[in-house]
C-alpha atoms as a PDB file:
ATOM      1  CA  UNK A   1     145.922 105.648 114.165  1.00  0.00           C
ATOM      2  CA  UNK A   2     146.341 106.481 110.484  1.00  0.00           C
ATOM      3  CA  UNK A   3     148.337 103.914 108.540  1.00  0.00           C
ATOM      4  CA  UNK A   4     148.658 105.825 105.260  1.00  0.00           C
ATOM      5  CA  UNK A   5     148.950 109.440 104.087  1.00  0.00           C
ATOM      6  CA  UNK A   6     145.691 111.381 104.006  1.00  0.00           C
ATOM      7  CA  UNK A   7     143.975 111.124 100.635  1.00  0.00           C
ATOM      8  CA  UNK A   8     145.837 107.994  99.504  1.00  0.00           C
ATOM      9  CA  UNK A   9     144.068 104.812  98.414  1.00  0.00           C
ATOM     10  CA  UNK A  10     145.205 101.479  99.828  1.00  0.00           C
ATOM     11  CA  UNK A  11     146.754 100.343  96.537  1.00  0.00           C
ATOM     12  CA  UNK A  12     148.966 102.419  94.236  1.00  0.00           C
ATOM     13  CA  UNK A  13     150.617 101.287  90.999  1.00  0.00           C
ATOM     14  CA  UNK A  14     154.413 101.419  91.335  1.00  0.00           C
ATOM     15  CA  UNK A  15     156.211 101.791  88.026  1.00  0.00           C
ATOM     16  CA  UNK A  16     159.954 101.352  87.603  1.00  0.00           C
ATOM     17  CA  UNK A  17     161.043 103.733  84.882  1.00  0.00           C
ATOM     18  CA  UNK A  18     164.350 104.752  83.360  1.00  0.00           C
ATOM     19  CA  UNK A  19     163.718 108.486  83.882  1.00  0.00           C
ATOM     20  CA  UNK A  20     161.442 109.730  86.680  1.00  0.00           C
ATOM     21  CA  UNK A  21     161.578 113.376  85.562  1.00  0.00           C
ATOM     22  CA  UNK A  22     160.511 112.554  82.006  1.00  0.00           C
ATOM     23  CA  UNK A  23     157.714 110.320  83.285  1.00  0.00           C
ATOM     24  CA  UNK A  24     156.437 113.017  85.662  1.00  0.00           C
ATOM     25  CA  UNK A  25     156.493 115.531  82.815  1.00  0.00           C
ATOM     26  CA  UNK A  26     154.483 113.121  80.659  1.00  0.00           C
ATOM     27  CA  UNK A  27     151.960 112.367  83.442  1.00  0.00           C
ATOM     28  CA  UNK A  28     151.412 116.096  83.999  1.00  0.00           C
ATOM     29  CA  UNK A  29     151.057 116.852  80.308  1.00  0.00           C
ATOM     30  CA  UNK A  30     148.982 113.831  79.332  1.00  0.00           C
ATOM     31  CA  UNK A  31     146.814 113.298  82.385  1.00  0.00           C
ATOM     32  CA  UNK A  32     146.967 116.515  84.419  1.00  0.00           C
ATOM     33  CA  UNK A  33     148.893 114.788  87.197  1.00  0.00           C
ATOM     34  CA  UNK A  34     149.927 116.707  90.299  1.00  0.00           C
ATOM     35  CA  UNK A  35     153.377 115.986  91.712  1.00  0.00           C
ATOM     36  CA  UNK A  36     153.286 114.904  95.356  1.00  0.00           C
ATOM     37  CA  UNK A  37     156.561 113.604  96.773  1.00  0.00           C
ATOM     38  CA  UNK A  38     160.055 113.299  95.341  1.00  0.00           C
ATOM     39  CA  UNK A  39     162.947 111.555  97.117  1.00  0.00           C
ATOM     40  CA  UNK A  40     166.546 111.602  95.895  1.00  0.00           C
ATOM     41  CA  UNK A  41     169.488 109.263  96.282  1.00  0.00           C
ATOM     42  CA  UNK A  42     172.514 110.649  98.168  1.00  0.00           C
ATOM     43  CA  UNK A  43     174.119 111.551  94.801  1.00  0.00           C
ATOM     44  CA  UNK A  44     171.094 113.706  93.905  1.00  0.00           C
ATOM     45  CA  UNK A  45     169.524 111.358  91.337  1.00  0.00           C
ATOM     46  CA  UNK A  46     165.769 110.815  91.686  1.00  0.00           C
ATOM     47  CA  UNK A  47     164.918 107.610  93.565  1.00  0.00           C
ATOM     48  CA  UNK A  48     161.152 107.764  94.156  1.00  0.00           C
ATOM     49  CA  UNK A  49     158.307 110.049  93.114  1.00  0.00           C
ATOM     50  CA  UNK A  50     154.557 110.174  93.502  1.00  0.00           C
ATOM     51  CA  UNK A  51     151.921 111.880  91.376  1.00  0.00           C
ATOM     52  CA  UNK A  52     148.158 112.159  91.774  1.00  0.00           C
ATOM     53  CA  UNK A  53     145.945 111.524  88.776  1.00  0.00           C
ATOM     54  CA  UNK A  54     142.327 112.128  89.709  1.00  0.00           C
ATOM     55  CA  UNK A  55     141.709 110.283  92.968  1.00  0.00           C
ATOM     56  CA  UNK A  56     144.664 107.892  92.571  1.00  0.00           C
ATOM     57  CA  UNK A  57     148.382 108.030  93.235  1.00  0.00           C
ATOM     58  CA  UNK A  58     150.982 106.595  90.863  1.00  0.00           C
ATOM     59  CA  UNK A  59     154.363 105.842  92.418  1.00  0.00           C
ATOM     60  CA  UNK A  60     157.560 105.809  90.395  1.00  0.00           C
ATOM     61  CA  UNK A  61     160.978 104.323  91.051  1.00  0.00           C
ATOM     62  CA  UNK A  62     163.968 105.031  88.861  1.00  0.00           C
ATOM     63  CA  UNK A  63     165.843 102.016  87.496  1.00  0.00           C
ATOM     64  CA  UNK A  64     167.778 101.717  84.240  1.00  0.00           C
ATOM     65  CA  UNK A  65     165.320 100.275  81.742  1.00  0.00           C
ATOM     66  CA  UNK A  66     162.764  99.551  84.467  1.00  0.00           C
ATOM     67  CA  UNK A  67     162.211  95.953  85.492  1.00  0.00           C
ATOM     68  CA  UNK A  68     158.586  94.950  85.641  1.00  0.00           C
ATOM     69  CA  UNK A  69     155.370  95.042  87.621  1.00  0.00           C
ATOM     70  CA  UNK A  70     155.376  96.314  91.182  1.00  0.00           C
ATOM     71  CA  UNK A  71     152.384  97.208  93.352  1.00  0.00           C
ATOM     72  CA  UNK A  72     152.610  99.398  96.447  1.00  0.00           C
ATOM     73  CA  UNK A  73     149.854  98.805  98.996  1.00  0.00           C
ATOM     74  CA  UNK A  74     149.199 100.574 102.305  1.00  0.00           C
ATOM     75  CA  UNK A  75     148.127  98.195 105.062  1.00  0.00           C
ATOM     76  CA  UNK A  76     147.393  98.689 108.775  1.00  0.00           C
ATOM     77  CA  UNK A  77     150.168  96.270 109.891  1.00  0.00           C
ATOM     78  CA  UNK A  78     153.040  95.687 107.468  1.00  0.00           C
ATOM     79  CA  UNK A  79     154.675  92.987 109.610  1.00  0.00           C
ATOM     80  CA  UNK A  80     151.481  90.914 109.768  1.00  0.00           C
ATOM     81  CA  UNK A  81     150.897  91.373 106.031  1.00  0.00           C
ATOM     82  CA  UNK A  82     154.491  90.384 105.249  1.00  0.00           C
ATOM     83  CA  UNK A  83     154.128  87.221 107.338  1.00  0.00           C
ATOM     84  CA  UNK A  84     150.792  86.365 105.711  1.00  0.00           C
ATOM     85  CA  UNK A  85     152.258  86.836 102.226  1.00  0.00           C
ATOM     86  CA  UNK A  86     155.163  84.508 103.005  1.00  0.00           C
ATOM     87  CA  UNK A  87     152.742  81.956 104.433  1.00  0.00           C
ATOM     88  CA  UNK A  88     150.716  82.218 101.217  1.00  0.00           C
ATOM     89  CA  UNK A  89     153.780  81.215  99.183  1.00  0.00           C
ATOM     90  CA  UNK A  90     155.448  84.542  98.335  1.00  0.00           C
ATOM     91  CA  UNK A  91     159.211  84.910  98.550  1.00  0.00           C
ATOM     92  CA  UNK A  92     160.847  87.727 100.453  1.00  0.00           C
ATOM     93  CA  UNK A  93     162.295  90.638  98.512  1.00  0.00           C
ATOM     94  CA  UNK A  94     162.770  92.848 101.591  1.00  0.00           C
ATOM     95  CA  UNK A  95     161.927  92.340 105.250  1.00  0.00           C
ATOM     96  CA  UNK A  96     159.950  95.212 106.855  1.00  0.00           C
ATOM     97  CA  UNK A  97     162.339  98.153 106.922  1.00  0.00           C
ATOM     98  CA  UNK A  98     162.207 101.865 107.743  1.00  0.00           C
ATOM     99  CA  UNK A  99     164.131 103.450 104.888  1.00  0.00           C
ATOM    100  CA  UNK A 100     163.718 106.974 106.212  1.00  0.00           C
ATOM    101  CA  UNK A 101     160.896 108.111 103.906  1.00  0.00           C
ATOM    102  CA  UNK A 102     158.144 107.885 106.511  1.00  0.00           C
ATOM    103  CA  UNK A 103     156.967 104.348 105.742  1.00  0.00           C
ATOM    104  CA  UNK A 104     157.778 100.937 107.170  1.00  0.00           C
ATOM    105  CA  UNK A 105     157.929  98.844 103.989  1.00  0.00           C
ATOM    106  CA  UNK A 106     158.407  95.194 103.046  1.00  0.00           C
ATOM    107  CA  UNK A 107     158.663  93.485  99.669  1.00  0.00           C
ATOM    108  CA  UNK A 108     157.382  90.114  98.509  1.00  0.00           C
ATOM    109  CA  UNK A 109     157.241  88.432  95.113  1.00  0.00           C
ATOM    110  CA  UNK A 110     154.246  86.293  94.250  1.00  0.00           C
ATOM    111  CA  UNK A 111     154.378  83.121  92.178  1.00  0.00           C
ATOM    112  CA  UNK A 112     153.602  85.058  88.990  1.00  0.00           C
ATOM    113  CA  UNK A 113     156.539  87.425  89.426  1.00  0.00           C
ATOM    114  CA  UNK A 114     154.686  90.522  90.635  1.00  0.00           C
ATOM    115  CA  UNK A 115     156.496  92.296  93.450  1.00  0.00           C
ATOM    116  CA  UNK A 116     154.221  93.717  96.136  1.00  0.00           C
ATOM    117  CA  UNK A 117     155.346  96.456  98.544  1.00  0.00           C
ATOM    118  CA  UNK A 118     153.119  96.485 101.634  1.00  0.00           C
ATOM    119  CA  UNK A 119     153.734  99.618 103.714  1.00  0.00           C
ATOM    120  CA  UNK A 120     152.488 101.284 106.864  1.00  0.00           C
ATOM    121  CA  UNK A 121     153.073 104.996 107.364  1.00  0.00           C
ATOM    122  CA  UNK A 122     155.131 105.604 110.497  1.00  0.00           C
ATOM    123  CA  UNK A 123     153.940 109.167 111.014  1.00  0.00           C
ATOM    124  CA  UNK A 124     151.071 111.148 109.602  1.00  0.00           C
ATOM    125  CA  UNK A 125     152.313 114.098 107.581  1.00  0.00           C
END
């Protein structure tokens, strides 16, 4: 069973930016990025976007001012990975949760402050 979208690497940088649209425009113009997915909040504001640059995917979340380093990583079993991360000393940011975007996702923060988002795709698109 596939655990990630076709053509995605296991690890994708996840950047929190103040303006997803402006960042996508820059990625396209500067690096020839191709827009992949865009999800909106109920009020219509952008919430999450993905763009391909070469053979890699950059993920973007919109947050006023951004807030630091995040890494999204596709894994075969998000629950097992979440448990292993906690056992290794990480603190929970989010228990595994289906947020309706096709992935089961958890969040953990390591001792250095990086937030990791292990995810398993629920259905192959």
